[in-house]
């Protein structure tokens, strides 16, 4: 049956997506405005609360980056 092969491929792709997501989350993040890394700060960066896809070292960098970030920011959910 061809559909079980397709389901198997989908399951493998979903597993691969999870592995990639896990690997990427382990990388040091960079501030979306000034570019400093969490390793430089010695603490995690702040995450955009709307999309969770942008990171900033502080509120000032988040405010300064907003004019460009708002063009791609899409609320989760």
C-alpha atoms as a PDB file:
ATOM      1  CA  UNK A   1       0.000   0.000   0.000  1.00  0.00           C
ATOM      2  CA  UNK A   2       1.510   3.339  -1.090  1.00  0.00           C
ATOM      3  CA  UNK A   3      -0.152   5.328   1.679  1.00  0.00           C
ATOM      4  CA  UNK A   4       1.785   3.559   4.450  1.00  0.00           C
ATOM      5  CA  UNK A   5       5.010   4.468   2.651  1.00  0.00           C
ATOM      6  CA  UNK A   6       3.876   8.077   2.524  1.00  0.00           C
ATOM      7  CA  UNK A   7       2.967   8.038   6.228  1.00  0.00           C
ATOM      8  CA  UNK A   8       6.373   6.597   6.996  1.00  0.00           C
ATOM      9  CA  UNK A   9       8.054   9.385   5.045  1.00  0.00           C
ATOM     10  CA  UNK A  10       5.954  12.002   6.857  1.00  0.00           C
ATOM     11  CA  UNK A  11       6.904  10.489  10.214  1.00  0.00           C
ATOM     12  CA  UNK A  12      10.594  10.531   9.251  1.00  0.00           C
ATOM     13  CA  UNK A  13      10.347  14.169   8.139  1.00  0.00           C
ATOM     14  CA  UNK A  14       8.640  15.135  11.390  1.00  0.00           C
ATOM     15  CA  UNK A  15      11.388  13.377  13.338  1.00  0.00           C
ATOM     16  CA  UNK A  16      14.049  15.177  11.289  1.00  0.00           C
ATOM     17  CA  UNK A  17      12.318  18.521  11.875  1.00  0.00           C
ATOM     18  CA  UNK A  18      12.389  17.892  15.641  1.00  0.00           C
ATOM     19  CA  UNK A  19      16.101  17.006  15.518  1.00  0.00           C
ATOM     20  CA  UNK A  20      16.909  20.183  13.583  1.00  0.00           C
ATOM     21  CA  UNK A  21      14.823  22.317  15.959  1.00  0.00           C
ATOM     22  CA  UNK A  22      16.626  20.797  18.951  1.00  0.00           C
ATOM     23  CA  UNK A  23      20.041  21.336  17.363  1.00  0.00           C
ATOM     24  CA  UNK A  24      19.270  24.954  16.470  1.00  0.00           C
ATOM     25  CA  UNK A  25      18.025  25.716  19.971  1.00  0.00           C
ATOM     26  CA  UNK A  26      21.427  24.687  21.339  1.00  0.00           C
ATOM     27  CA  UNK A  27      23.266  27.304  19.252  1.00  0.00           C
ATOM     28  CA  UNK A  28      24.143  30.612  20.877  1.00  0.00           C
ATOM     29  CA  UNK A  29      21.654  33.330  19.935  1.00  0.00           C
ATOM     30  CA  UNK A  30      22.586  36.765  18.617  1.00  0.00           C
ATOM     31  CA  UNK A  31      20.778  40.016  19.362  1.00  0.00           C
ATOM     32  CA  UNK A  32      18.619  41.047  16.403  1.00  0.00           C
ATOM     33  CA  UNK A  33      19.815  44.638  16.732  1.00  0.00           C
ATOM     34  CA  UNK A  34      23.430  44.864  17.899  1.00  0.00           C
ATOM     35  CA  UNK A  35      24.513  41.274  17.171  1.00  0.00           C
ATOM     36  CA  UNK A  36      25.989  40.461  20.575  1.00  0.00           C
ATOM     37  CA  UNK A  37      25.755  36.792  21.571  1.00  0.00           C
ATOM     38  CA  UNK A  38      24.260  35.209  24.643  1.00  0.00           C
ATOM     39  CA  UNK A  39      27.729  33.777  25.332  1.00  0.00           C
ATOM     40  CA  UNK A  40      29.124  37.319  25.528  1.00  0.00           C
ATOM     41  CA  UNK A  41      26.386  38.383  27.937  1.00  0.00           C
ATOM     42  CA  UNK A  42      26.607  35.277  30.065  1.00  0.00           C
ATOM     43  CA  UNK A  43      22.822  34.954  30.080  1.00  0.00           C
ATOM     44  CA  UNK A  44      20.038  34.099  27.646  1.00  0.00           C
ATOM     45  CA  UNK A  45      18.729  36.803  25.331  1.00  0.00           C
ATOM     46  CA  UNK A  46      15.193  38.162  25.597  1.00  0.00           C
ATOM     47  CA  UNK A  47      12.713  36.704  23.113  1.00  0.00           C
ATOM     48  CA  UNK A  48      10.090  38.630  21.124  1.00  0.00           C
ATOM     49  CA  UNK A  49       6.879  37.823  22.999  1.00  0.00           C
ATOM     50  CA  UNK A  50       4.739  38.039  19.859  1.00  0.00           C
ATOM     51  CA  UNK A  51       6.579  35.707  17.460  1.00  0.00           C
ATOM     52  CA  UNK A  52       9.280  34.122  19.660  1.00  0.00           C
ATOM     53  CA  UNK A  53      11.526  34.246  16.608  1.00  0.00           C
ATOM     54  CA  UNK A  54      13.668  37.287  17.380  1.00  0.00           C
ATOM     55  CA  UNK A  55      16.093  37.732  20.259  1.00  0.00           C
ATOM     56  CA  UNK A  56      17.493  40.859  21.909  1.00  0.00           C
ATOM     57  CA  UNK A  57      20.051  41.566  24.602  1.00  0.00           C
ATOM     58  CA  UNK A  58      17.869  44.230  26.240  1.00  0.00           C
ATOM     59  CA  UNK A  59      14.690  46.302  25.842  1.00  0.00           C
ATOM     60  CA  UNK A  60      16.593  49.162  24.197  1.00  0.00           C
ATOM     61  CA  UNK A  61      17.819  46.891  21.382  1.00  0.00           C
ATOM     62  CA  UNK A  62      14.311  45.458  21.041  1.00  0.00           C
ATOM     63  CA  UNK A  63      12.814  48.958  20.660  1.00  0.00           C
ATOM     64  CA  UNK A  64      15.473  50.020  18.149  1.00  0.00           C
ATOM     65  CA  UNK A  65      14.947  46.862  16.067  1.00  0.00           C
ATOM     66  CA  UNK A  66      11.142  47.123  16.058  1.00  0.00           C
ATOM     67  CA  UNK A  67      10.776  49.232  12.863  1.00  0.00           C
ATOM     68  CA  UNK A  68      12.395  46.473  10.805  1.00  0.00           C
ATOM     69  CA  UNK A  69      11.255  43.494  12.888  1.00  0.00           C
ATOM     70  CA  UNK A  70       7.582  44.455  12.752  1.00  0.00           C
ATOM     71  CA  UNK A  71       7.593  43.756   9.002  1.00  0.00           C
ATOM     72  CA  UNK A  72       8.244  40.053   9.617  1.00  0.00           C
ATOM     73  CA  UNK A  73       6.848  39.596  13.138  1.00  0.00           C
ATOM     74  CA  UNK A  74       3.866  37.265  13.183  1.00  0.00           C
ATOM     75  CA  UNK A  75       2.124  36.325  16.380  1.00  0.00           C
ATOM     76  CA  UNK A  76       2.402  32.647  17.344  1.00  0.00           C
ATOM     77  CA  UNK A  77      -0.681  30.506  17.421  1.00  0.00           C
END
